[in-house]
Amino acid sequence: MKKITLITLISLVLVHCTKEDNFLIARGPVGKITTGTKVNELKAIFAKDSLVSNLGKDDFAASPYDEFVVYDKNGNHLLTIRPKEQNDSTSTIESVQIFDKRYKTATGLGLNSAFKDIVNDYKVDKVESTFTTAVLFVNELDATIAIDKKDLGIKDFGTQKIALEQIPDLAKIKTFTLWFD
């Protein structure tokens, strides 16, 4: 009886860890995607999900890059994956943009997090301003995290310099992208 209980307990722990790992963000892996993952492996990795291929074209009107969009079985957008090389099934991954709130770092940082969660657990190495966002570079994760300028109280449509001190603790994450350089 003790053996059955022990085996059941170990099985439950392993299943729980596997589900957690499917949504873990770290430097290198994002869920089941690693720095060595190739485009031709994505279909197998996301076999239980829906993988939509948007292949770039060289013409002016179309997108200049390939991207693979992953949806879960309920139609929720999970990830957008961009390969390093266009139209190459053996290319590795350049970036993964997170769209699902279940993806989190070991410290719990994810799309539901605020600026204070970022700076409490990670060093922000650089801040760049776009027309609509402040982009935070977190080298420890090889990540860029964008915060909407509206959350900063900035209404100007410009690229003025933004300091970390200008970002309120409660400013929410708008986008979270991991880079596999």
N, C-alpha and C. Protein backbone atom coordinates (compact mmCIF):
# COMPACT_ATOMS: atom_id res chain seq x y z
N MET A 1 0.82 -1.20 0.00
CA MET A 1 0.00 0.00 0.00
C MET A 1 0.87 1.26 0.00
N LYS A 2 1.97 1.23 0.78
CA LYS A 2 2.85 2.39 0.84
C LYS A 2 3.50 2.64 -0.52
N LYS A 3 3.83 1.55 -1.25
CA LYS A 3 4.46 1.71 -2.56
C LYS A 3 3.49 2.37 -3.55
N ILE A 4 2.25 1.97 -3.52
CA ILE A 4 1.25 2.55 -4.43
C ILE A 4 1.06 4.03 -4.13
N THR A 5 1.00 4.38 -2.86
CA THR A 5 0.85 5.78 -2.46
C THR A 5 2.06 6.59 -2.91
N LEU A 6 3.25 6.05 -2.72
CA LEU A 6 4.48 6.74 -3.11
C LEU A 6 4.54 6.92 -4.63
N ILE A 7 4.22 5.89 -5.37
CA ILE A 7 4.24 5.98 -6.84
C ILE A 7 3.22 7.00 -7.32
N THR A 8 2.04 7.00 -6.74
CA THR A 8 1.00 7.97 -7.11
C THR A 8 1.46 9.39 -6.83
N LEU A 9 2.07 9.61 -5.67
CA LEU A 9 2.55 10.93 -5.30
C LEU A 9 3.64 11.41 -6.26
N ILE A 10 4.58 10.55 -6.57
CA ILE A 10 5.66 10.92 -7.50
C ILE A 10 5.09 11.24 -8.88
N SER A 11 4.14 10.45 -9.33
CA SER A 11 3.51 10.69 -10.64
C SER A 11 2.81 12.04 -10.68
N LEU A 12 2.10 12.37 -9.62
CA LEU A 12 1.41 13.66 -9.57
C LEU A 12 2.38 14.82 -9.60
N VAL A 13 3.49 14.70 -8.88
CA VAL A 13 4.51 15.75 -8.86
C VAL A 13 5.11 15.92 -10.25
N LEU A 14 5.42 14.82 -10.92
CA LEU A 14 6.00 14.90 -12.26
C LEU A 14 5.04 15.52 -13.26
N VAL A 15 3.79 15.15 -13.21
CA VAL A 15 2.79 15.72 -14.11
C VAL A 15 2.63 17.21 -13.84
N HIS A 16 2.58 17.60 -12.57
CA HIS A 16 2.44 19.01 -12.21
C HIS A 16 3.64 19.80 -12.72
N CYS A 17 4.86 19.28 -12.52
CA CYS A 17 6.07 19.98 -12.97
C CYS A 17 6.08 20.12 -14.49
N THR A 18 5.66 19.10 -15.20
CA THR A 18 5.63 19.16 -16.65
C THR A 18 4.68 20.25 -17.13
N LYS A 19 3.50 20.35 -16.54
CA LYS A 19 2.56 21.39 -16.93
C LYS A 19 3.13 22.77 -16.62
N GLU A 20 3.79 22.91 -15.48
CA GLU A 20 4.40 24.18 -15.12
C GLU A 20 5.49 24.54 -16.13
N ASP A 21 6.33 23.56 -16.50
CA ASP A 21 7.42 23.81 -17.43
C ASP A 21 6.92 24.23 -18.80
N ASN A 22 5.73 23.81 -19.19
CA ASN A 22 5.17 24.19 -20.49
C ASN A 22 4.94 25.69 -20.59
N PHE A 23 4.87 26.37 -19.46
CA PHE A 23 4.60 27.81 -19.44
C PHE A 23 5.71 28.60 -18.74
N LEU A 24 6.89 27.99 -18.58
CA LEU A 24 8.00 28.65 -17.89
C LEU A 24 8.80 29.51 -18.87
N ILE A 25 9.07 30.74 -18.46
CA ILE A 25 9.92 31.65 -19.22
C ILE A 25 11.26 31.71 -18.51
N ALA A 26 12.33 31.51 -19.26
CA ALA A 26 13.68 31.63 -18.70
C ALA A 26 14.60 32.12 -19.82
N ARG A 27 15.84 32.38 -19.48
CA ARG A 27 16.80 32.76 -20.51
C ARG A 27 17.14 31.49 -21.30
N GLY A 28 16.70 31.45 -22.51
CA GLY A 28 16.91 30.25 -23.33
C GLY A 28 15.60 29.57 -23.67
N PRO A 29 14.93 28.96 -22.71
CA PRO A 29 13.65 28.33 -23.07
C PRO A 29 12.44 29.23 -22.78
N VAL A 30 11.43 29.05 -23.61
CA VAL A 30 10.10 29.60 -23.36
C VAL A 30 9.17 28.41 -23.51
N GLY A 31 8.69 27.89 -22.39
CA GLY A 31 7.91 26.66 -22.44
C GLY A 31 8.74 25.56 -23.04
N LYS A 32 8.26 24.96 -24.13
CA LYS A 32 8.96 23.85 -24.78
C LYS A 32 9.90 24.32 -25.88
N ILE A 33 9.98 25.61 -26.13
CA ILE A 33 10.86 26.15 -27.17
C ILE A 33 12.20 26.49 -26.53
N THR A 34 13.29 26.07 -27.18
CA THR A 34 14.64 26.38 -26.69
C THR A 34 15.41 27.12 -27.77
N THR A 35 16.63 27.52 -27.45
CA THR A 35 17.46 28.22 -28.42
C THR A 35 17.82 27.33 -29.60
N GLY A 36 17.77 26.03 -29.43
CA GLY A 36 18.08 25.10 -30.52
C GLY A 36 16.88 24.62 -31.31
N THR A 37 15.68 25.04 -30.93
CA THR A 37 14.47 24.61 -31.63
C THR A 37 14.47 25.13 -33.06
N LYS A 38 14.13 24.23 -33.98
CA LYS A 38 14.06 24.60 -35.40
C LYS A 38 12.59 24.75 -35.81
N VAL A 39 12.37 25.51 -36.85
CA VAL A 39 11.02 25.75 -37.36
C VAL A 39 10.31 24.43 -37.65
N ASN A 40 11.03 23.47 -38.23
CA ASN A 40 10.39 22.20 -38.59
C ASN A 40 10.01 21.35 -37.38
N GLU A 41 10.36 21.76 -36.17
CA GLU A 41 9.99 21.05 -34.95
C GLU A 41 8.74 21.64 -34.29
N LEU A 42 8.34 22.82 -34.72
CA LEU A 42 7.23 23.52 -34.07
C LEU A 42 5.92 22.74 -34.13
N LYS A 43 5.65 22.11 -35.27
CA LYS A 43 4.39 21.36 -35.42
C LYS A 43 4.30 20.25 -34.38
N ALA A 44 5.41 19.55 -34.12
CA ALA A 44 5.42 18.47 -33.12
C ALA A 44 5.31 19.04 -31.71
N ILE A 45 6.00 20.13 -31.44
CA ILE A 45 5.97 20.74 -30.11
C ILE A 45 4.55 21.20 -29.76
N PHE A 46 3.86 21.75 -30.74
CA PHE A 46 2.51 22.28 -30.50
C PHE A 46 1.44 21.40 -31.14
N ALA A 47 1.64 20.08 -31.07
CA ALA A 47 0.71 19.12 -31.69
C ALA A 47 -0.70 19.23 -31.11
N LYS A 48 -0.82 19.58 -29.84
CA LYS A 48 -2.14 19.68 -29.20
C LYS A 48 -2.75 21.08 -29.36
N ASP A 49 -2.00 21.96 -29.97
CA ASP A 49 -2.45 23.33 -30.18
C ASP A 49 -2.60 23.59 -31.68
N SER A 50 -2.93 24.80 -32.03
CA SER A 50 -3.06 25.18 -33.44
C SER A 50 -1.89 26.09 -33.80
N LEU A 51 -1.13 25.70 -34.81
CA LEU A 51 0.02 26.47 -35.27
C LEU A 51 -0.31 27.05 -36.64
N VAL A 52 -0.33 28.38 -36.73
CA VAL A 52 -0.65 29.07 -37.98
C VAL A 52 0.63 29.67 -38.53
N SER A 53 0.96 29.33 -39.77
CA SER A 53 2.16 29.84 -40.42
C SER A 53 1.82 31.06 -41.26
N ASN A 54 2.47 32.16 -40.98
CA ASN A 54 2.36 33.37 -41.79
C ASN A 54 3.72 33.59 -42.42
N LEU A 55 3.89 33.11 -43.64
CA LEU A 55 5.20 33.18 -44.29
C LEU A 55 5.35 34.51 -45.01
N GLY A 56 6.47 35.17 -44.74
CA GLY A 56 6.74 36.48 -45.32
C GLY A 56 7.01 36.39 -46.80
N LYS A 57 6.85 37.50 -47.44
CA LYS A 57 7.12 37.63 -48.88
C LYS A 57 8.11 38.76 -49.06
N ASP A 58 8.77 38.74 -50.20
CA ASP A 58 9.72 39.80 -50.49
C ASP A 58 9.08 41.02 -51.15
N ASP A 59 7.78 40.94 -51.43
CA ASP A 59 7.15 42.08 -52.08
C ASP A 59 6.78 43.15 -51.05
N PHE A 60 6.50 44.33 -51.54
CA PHE A 60 6.30 45.50 -50.68
C PHE A 60 5.10 45.37 -49.75
N ALA A 61 3.99 44.83 -50.23
CA ALA A 61 2.75 44.82 -49.46
C ALA A 61 2.71 43.78 -48.36
N ALA A 62 3.44 42.70 -48.53
CA ALA A 62 3.37 41.60 -47.56
C ALA A 62 4.37 41.80 -46.43
N SER A 63 4.20 41.00 -45.40
CA SER A 63 5.11 41.03 -44.26
C SER A 63 6.51 40.59 -44.70
N PRO A 64 7.55 41.27 -44.26
CA PRO A 64 8.90 40.92 -44.68
C PRO A 64 9.52 39.77 -43.89
N TYR A 65 8.78 39.16 -42.99
CA TYR A 65 9.34 38.09 -42.17
C TYR A 65 8.31 36.99 -41.97
N ASP A 66 8.82 35.81 -41.61
CA ASP A 66 7.94 34.69 -41.28
C ASP A 66 7.54 34.80 -39.81
N GLU A 67 6.35 34.34 -39.50
CA GLU A 67 5.98 34.19 -38.10
C GLU A 67 5.01 33.03 -37.97
N PHE A 68 5.10 32.39 -36.82
CA PHE A 68 4.25 31.25 -36.51
C PHE A 68 3.47 31.60 -35.26
N VAL A 69 2.15 31.57 -35.39
CA VAL A 69 1.27 31.97 -34.30
C VAL A 69 0.67 30.72 -33.69
N VAL A 70 0.77 30.60 -32.36
CA VAL A 70 0.28 29.43 -31.65
C VAL A 70 -0.98 29.80 -30.88
N TYR A 71 -2.05 29.00 -31.10
CA TYR A 71 -3.31 29.14 -30.37
C TYR A 71 -3.57 27.84 -29.62
N ASP A 72 -4.15 27.93 -28.44
CA ASP A 72 -4.53 26.70 -27.74
C ASP A 72 -5.83 26.17 -28.34
N LYS A 73 -6.28 25.03 -27.84
CA LYS A 73 -7.47 24.38 -28.42
C LYS A 73 -8.75 25.20 -28.23
N ASN A 74 -8.71 26.20 -27.33
CA ASN A 74 -9.86 27.08 -27.13
C ASN A 74 -9.79 28.35 -27.99
N GLY A 75 -8.74 28.44 -28.80
CA GLY A 75 -8.58 29.60 -29.68
C GLY A 75 -7.86 30.77 -29.06
N ASN A 76 -7.28 30.59 -27.87
CA ASN A 76 -6.54 31.67 -27.21
C ASN A 76 -5.14 31.78 -27.80
N HIS A 77 -4.73 33.00 -28.11
CA HIS A 77 -3.40 33.27 -28.66
C HIS A 77 -2.36 33.04 -27.55
N LEU A 78 -1.45 32.09 -27.76
CA LEU A 78 -0.41 31.80 -26.78
C LEU A 78 0.88 32.54 -27.08
N LEU A 79 1.41 32.33 -28.29
CA LEU A 79 2.73 32.84 -28.65
C LEU A 79 2.76 33.26 -30.11
N THR A 80 3.68 34.16 -30.43
CA THR A 80 4.04 34.43 -31.82
C THR A 80 5.54 34.21 -31.91
N ILE A 81 5.93 33.33 -32.82
CA ILE A 81 7.33 32.88 -32.94
C ILE A 81 7.88 33.36 -34.28
N ARG A 82 9.06 33.98 -34.24
CA ARG A 82 9.73 34.41 -35.47
C ARG A 82 11.05 33.67 -35.61
N PRO A 83 11.28 33.05 -36.77
CA PRO A 83 12.57 32.38 -37.00
C PRO A 83 13.64 33.39 -37.41
N LYS A 84 14.90 32.95 -37.31
CA LYS A 84 16.02 33.82 -37.71
C LYS A 84 16.07 33.99 -39.22
N GLU A 85 15.77 32.92 -39.95
CA GLU A 85 15.85 32.95 -41.41
C GLU A 85 14.46 32.77 -42.02
N GLN A 86 14.16 33.58 -43.01
CA GLN A 86 12.87 33.51 -43.69
C GLN A 86 12.84 32.31 -44.63
N ASN A 87 11.67 31.65 -44.71
CA ASN A 87 11.44 30.53 -45.62
C ASN A 87 12.48 29.42 -45.50
N ASP A 88 12.90 29.12 -44.27
CA ASP A 88 13.90 28.07 -44.02
C ASP A 88 13.41 27.20 -42.86
N SER A 89 13.00 25.99 -43.16
CA SER A 89 12.45 25.11 -42.13
C SER A 89 13.50 24.62 -41.13
N THR A 90 14.78 24.79 -41.47
CA THR A 90 15.83 24.38 -40.53
C THR A 90 16.35 25.55 -39.70
N SER A 91 15.76 26.71 -39.89
CA SER A 91 16.16 27.90 -39.12
C SER A 91 15.79 27.72 -37.65
N THR A 92 16.63 28.27 -36.79
CA THR A 92 16.29 28.31 -35.37
C THR A 92 15.44 29.56 -35.10
N ILE A 93 15.02 29.71 -33.88
CA ILE A 93 14.09 30.77 -33.50
C ILE A 93 14.84 32.05 -33.14
N GLU A 94 14.33 33.18 -33.61
CA GLU A 94 14.90 34.48 -33.26
C GLU A 94 14.21 35.06 -32.03
N SER A 95 12.87 35.01 -32.02
CA SER A 95 12.14 35.61 -30.90
C SER A 95 10.81 34.91 -30.67
N VAL A 96 10.35 35.03 -29.43
CA VAL A 96 9.04 34.50 -29.03
C VAL A 96 8.33 35.60 -28.26
N GLN A 97 7.19 36.05 -28.78
CA GLN A 97 6.39 37.04 -28.07
C GLN A 97 5.29 36.31 -27.32
N ILE A 98 5.16 36.64 -26.04
CA ILE A 98 4.20 36.00 -25.14
C ILE A 98 2.85 36.72 -25.25
N PHE A 99 1.78 35.94 -25.37
CA PHE A 99 0.43 36.51 -25.39
C PHE A 99 -0.47 35.91 -24.31
N ASP A 100 -0.03 34.84 -23.67
CA ASP A 100 -0.85 34.13 -22.69
C ASP A 100 -0.32 34.40 -21.29
N LYS A 101 -1.21 34.71 -20.37
CA LYS A 101 -0.83 35.09 -19.01
C LYS A 101 -0.30 33.92 -18.18
N ARG A 102 -0.44 32.70 -18.68
CA ARG A 102 0.09 31.54 -17.95
C ARG A 102 1.61 31.44 -18.05
N TYR A 103 2.19 32.07 -19.06
CA TYR A 103 3.65 32.06 -19.20
C TYR A 103 4.25 33.00 -18.17
N LYS A 104 5.15 32.45 -17.35
CA LYS A 104 5.78 33.24 -16.28
C LYS A 104 7.20 32.75 -16.04
N THR A 105 8.02 33.65 -15.48
CA THR A 105 9.37 33.27 -15.06
C THR A 105 9.27 32.52 -13.73
N ALA A 106 10.39 32.01 -13.26
CA ALA A 106 10.41 31.31 -11.97
C ALA A 106 10.01 32.24 -10.83
N THR A 107 10.21 33.55 -11.01
CA THR A 107 9.83 34.51 -9.97
C THR A 107 8.39 35.00 -10.12
N GLY A 108 7.69 34.51 -11.16
CA GLY A 108 6.29 34.88 -11.35
C GLY A 108 6.06 36.04 -12.30
N LEU A 109 7.11 36.54 -12.96
CA LEU A 109 6.96 37.65 -13.90
C LEU A 109 6.26 37.18 -15.17
N GLY A 110 5.20 37.87 -15.53
CA GLY A 110 4.44 37.54 -16.73
C GLY A 110 3.61 38.73 -17.17
N LEU A 111 2.69 38.50 -18.07
CA LEU A 111 1.88 39.59 -18.61
C LEU A 111 0.99 40.27 -17.57
N ASN A 112 0.68 39.60 -16.49
CA ASN A 112 -0.13 40.21 -15.42
C ASN A 112 0.71 41.04 -14.46
N SER A 113 2.01 41.07 -14.67
CA SER A 113 2.91 41.76 -13.75
C SER A 113 2.94 43.26 -14.01
N ALA A 114 3.47 43.98 -13.04
CA ALA A 114 3.64 45.43 -13.13
C ALA A 114 5.13 45.75 -13.12
N PHE A 115 5.45 47.02 -13.38
CA PHE A 115 6.84 47.46 -13.42
C PHE A 115 7.59 47.10 -12.14
N LYS A 116 6.95 47.26 -10.98
CA LYS A 116 7.64 46.96 -9.72
C LYS A 116 8.06 45.49 -9.65
N ASP A 117 7.29 44.59 -10.27
CA ASP A 117 7.66 43.18 -10.29
C ASP A 117 8.91 42.95 -11.12
N ILE A 118 9.05 43.72 -12.18
CA ILE A 118 10.24 43.60 -13.04
C ILE A 118 11.47 44.03 -12.26
N VAL A 119 11.44 45.25 -11.69
CA VAL A 119 12.63 45.79 -11.03
C VAL A 119 12.93 45.11 -9.70
N ASN A 120 11.94 44.48 -9.08
CA ASN A 120 12.21 43.75 -7.84
C ASN A 120 13.01 42.48 -8.09
N ASP A 121 12.84 41.87 -9.26
CA ASP A 121 13.48 40.58 -9.53
C ASP A 121 14.56 40.62 -10.60
N TYR A 122 14.59 41.66 -11.42
CA TYR A 122 15.54 41.71 -12.53
C TYR A 122 16.12 43.11 -12.68
N LYS A 123 17.30 43.17 -13.29
CA LYS A 123 17.93 44.45 -13.58
C LYS A 123 17.48 44.90 -14.96
N VAL A 124 16.99 46.12 -15.04
CA VAL A 124 16.63 46.71 -16.33
C VAL A 124 17.90 47.37 -16.86
N ASP A 125 18.43 46.84 -17.97
CA ASP A 125 19.71 47.29 -18.50
C ASP A 125 19.61 48.54 -19.36
N LYS A 126 18.45 48.75 -19.95
CA LYS A 126 18.30 49.91 -20.84
C LYS A 126 16.81 50.18 -21.02
N VAL A 127 16.49 51.45 -21.27
CA VAL A 127 15.12 51.85 -21.60
C VAL A 127 15.17 52.63 -22.91
N GLU A 128 14.33 52.22 -23.85
CA GLU A 128 14.21 52.96 -25.11
C GLU A 128 12.76 53.38 -25.28
N SER A 129 12.58 54.49 -25.94
CA SER A 129 11.25 55.03 -26.16
C SER A 129 10.84 54.84 -27.61
N THR A 130 9.62 54.34 -27.82
CA THR A 130 9.03 54.32 -29.16
C THR A 130 7.92 55.38 -29.14
N PHE A 131 7.15 55.47 -30.19
CA PHE A 131 6.07 56.46 -30.22
C PHE A 131 5.02 56.19 -29.15
N THR A 132 4.78 54.91 -28.84
CA THR A 132 3.67 54.57 -27.93
C THR A 132 4.09 53.80 -26.68
N THR A 133 5.34 53.34 -26.60
CA THR A 133 5.75 52.52 -25.46
C THR A 133 7.14 52.89 -24.95
N ALA A 134 7.39 52.46 -23.72
CA ALA A 134 8.74 52.45 -23.17
C ALA A 134 9.17 50.99 -23.20
N VAL A 135 10.29 50.71 -23.86
CA VAL A 135 10.77 49.34 -24.00
C VAL A 135 11.92 49.12 -23.03
N LEU A 136 11.73 48.14 -22.14
CA LEU A 136 12.73 47.80 -21.13
C LEU A 136 13.53 46.61 -21.62
N PHE A 137 14.85 46.70 -21.56
CA PHE A 137 15.73 45.60 -21.95
C PHE A 137 16.22 44.91 -20.68
N VAL A 138 15.91 43.62 -20.56
CA VAL A 138 16.31 42.82 -19.40
C VAL A 138 17.25 41.73 -19.93
N ASN A 139 18.56 42.02 -19.88
CA ASN A 139 19.55 41.10 -20.45
C ASN A 139 19.58 39.76 -19.73
N GLU A 140 19.27 39.75 -18.45
CA GLU A 140 19.26 38.51 -17.67
C GLU A 140 18.31 37.47 -18.26
N LEU A 141 17.27 37.92 -18.92
CA LEU A 141 16.30 37.03 -19.57
C LEU A 141 16.42 37.06 -21.09
N ASP A 142 17.28 37.92 -21.64
CA ASP A 142 17.30 38.19 -23.08
C ASP A 142 15.89 38.58 -23.53
N ALA A 143 15.32 39.55 -22.82
CA ALA A 143 13.93 39.93 -23.06
C ALA A 143 13.79 41.43 -23.25
N THR A 144 12.75 41.79 -24.00
CA THR A 144 12.29 43.17 -24.04
C THR A 144 10.86 43.17 -23.53
N ILE A 145 10.58 44.14 -22.70
CA ILE A 145 9.25 44.28 -22.10
C ILE A 145 8.77 45.69 -22.38
N ALA A 146 7.62 45.81 -23.01
CA ALA A 146 7.09 47.13 -23.35
C ALA A 146 5.99 47.52 -22.37
N ILE A 147 6.03 48.80 -22.00
CA ILE A 147 5.00 49.38 -21.14
C ILE A 147 4.39 50.55 -21.90
N ASP A 148 3.08 50.61 -21.94
CA ASP A 148 2.36 51.65 -22.67
C ASP A 148 2.65 53.01 -22.06
N LYS A 149 2.93 54.00 -22.90
CA LYS A 149 3.21 55.35 -22.41
C LYS A 149 2.02 55.95 -21.68
N LYS A 150 0.81 55.50 -22.00
CA LYS A 150 -0.37 56.00 -21.28
C LYS A 150 -0.27 55.67 -19.80
N ASP A 151 0.33 54.51 -19.48
CA ASP A 151 0.51 54.12 -18.07
C ASP A 151 1.58 54.96 -17.38
N LEU A 152 2.37 55.68 -18.17
CA LEU A 152 3.41 56.54 -17.61
C LEU A 152 2.92 57.98 -17.47
N GLY A 153 1.72 58.23 -17.96
CA GLY A 153 1.20 59.59 -17.92
C GLY A 153 1.74 60.46 -19.04
N ILE A 154 2.33 59.83 -20.06
CA ILE A 154 2.89 60.56 -21.19
C ILE A 154 1.90 60.49 -22.34
N LYS A 155 1.43 61.64 -22.77
CA LYS A 155 0.45 61.67 -23.84
C LYS A 155 1.07 62.06 -25.18
N ASP A 156 2.29 62.56 -25.15
CA ASP A 156 2.95 62.97 -26.38
C ASP A 156 3.22 61.77 -27.27
N PHE A 157 3.01 61.97 -28.55
CA PHE A 157 3.31 60.94 -29.54
C PHE A 157 4.72 61.21 -30.05
N GLY A 158 5.71 60.88 -29.23
CA GLY A 158 7.10 61.15 -29.58
C GLY A 158 8.02 60.11 -28.98
N THR A 159 9.30 60.30 -29.22
CA THR A 159 10.28 59.34 -28.73
C THR A 159 11.24 59.97 -27.71
N GLN A 160 10.70 60.85 -26.88
CA GLN A 160 11.53 61.49 -25.87
C GLN A 160 12.11 60.43 -24.92
N LYS A 161 13.25 60.74 -24.37
CA LYS A 161 13.94 59.82 -23.46
C LYS A 161 13.10 59.58 -22.20
N ILE A 162 13.09 58.33 -21.75
CA ILE A 162 12.36 57.96 -20.54
C ILE A 162 13.34 57.32 -19.56
N ALA A 163 13.33 57.80 -18.33
CA ALA A 163 14.18 57.24 -17.28
C ALA A 163 13.37 56.23 -16.46
N LEU A 164 14.05 55.28 -15.86
CA LEU A 164 13.37 54.28 -15.02
C LEU A 164 12.54 54.94 -13.93
N GLU A 165 13.04 56.05 -13.40
CA GLU A 165 12.36 56.73 -12.31
C GLU A 165 11.01 57.31 -12.73
N GLN A 166 10.79 57.49 -14.03
CA GLN A 166 9.53 58.03 -14.53
C GLN A 166 8.43 56.97 -14.62
N ILE A 167 8.81 55.71 -14.50
CA ILE A 167 7.84 54.63 -14.68
C ILE A 167 7.20 54.29 -13.34
N PRO A 168 5.89 54.43 -13.23
CA PRO A 168 5.20 54.11 -11.97
C PRO A 168 5.26 52.61 -11.66
N ASP A 169 5.31 52.29 -10.39
CA ASP A 169 5.37 50.89 -9.95
C ASP A 169 4.23 50.05 -10.50
N LEU A 170 3.06 50.65 -10.66
CA LEU A 170 1.88 49.88 -11.07
C LEU A 170 1.68 49.82 -12.59
N ALA A 171 2.62 50.40 -13.36
CA ALA A 171 2.51 50.35 -14.82
C ALA A 171 2.55 48.89 -15.28
N LYS A 172 1.56 48.52 -16.09
CA LYS A 172 1.40 47.12 -16.54
C LYS A 172 2.24 46.81 -17.77
N ILE A 173 2.62 45.55 -17.89
CA ILE A 173 3.34 45.07 -19.06
C ILE A 173 2.38 45.02 -20.25
N LYS A 174 2.80 45.59 -21.37
CA LYS A 174 2.00 45.55 -22.59
C LYS A 174 2.43 44.37 -23.46
N THR A 175 3.74 44.24 -23.70
CA THR A 175 4.26 43.10 -24.46
C THR A 175 5.49 42.54 -23.77
N PHE A 176 5.75 41.25 -24.00
CA PHE A 176 6.87 40.53 -23.38
C PHE A 176 7.45 39.64 -24.47
N THR A 177 8.68 39.95 -24.89
CA THR A 177 9.32 39.20 -25.97
C THR A 177 10.66 38.67 -25.50
N LEU A 178 10.93 37.40 -25.78
CA LEU A 178 12.20 36.76 -25.49
C LEU A 178 12.98 36.62 -26.79
N TRP A 179 14.28 36.89 -26.73
CA TRP A 179 15.15 36.86 -27.91
C TRP A 179 16.15 35.73 -27.77
N PHE A 180 16.37 35.00 -28.85
CA PHE A 180 17.28 33.85 -28.85
C PHE A 180 18.51 34.12 -29.69
N ASP A 181 19.26 35.15 -29.37
CA ASP A 181 20.47 35.48 -30.14
C ASP A 181 21.65 34.66 -29.72
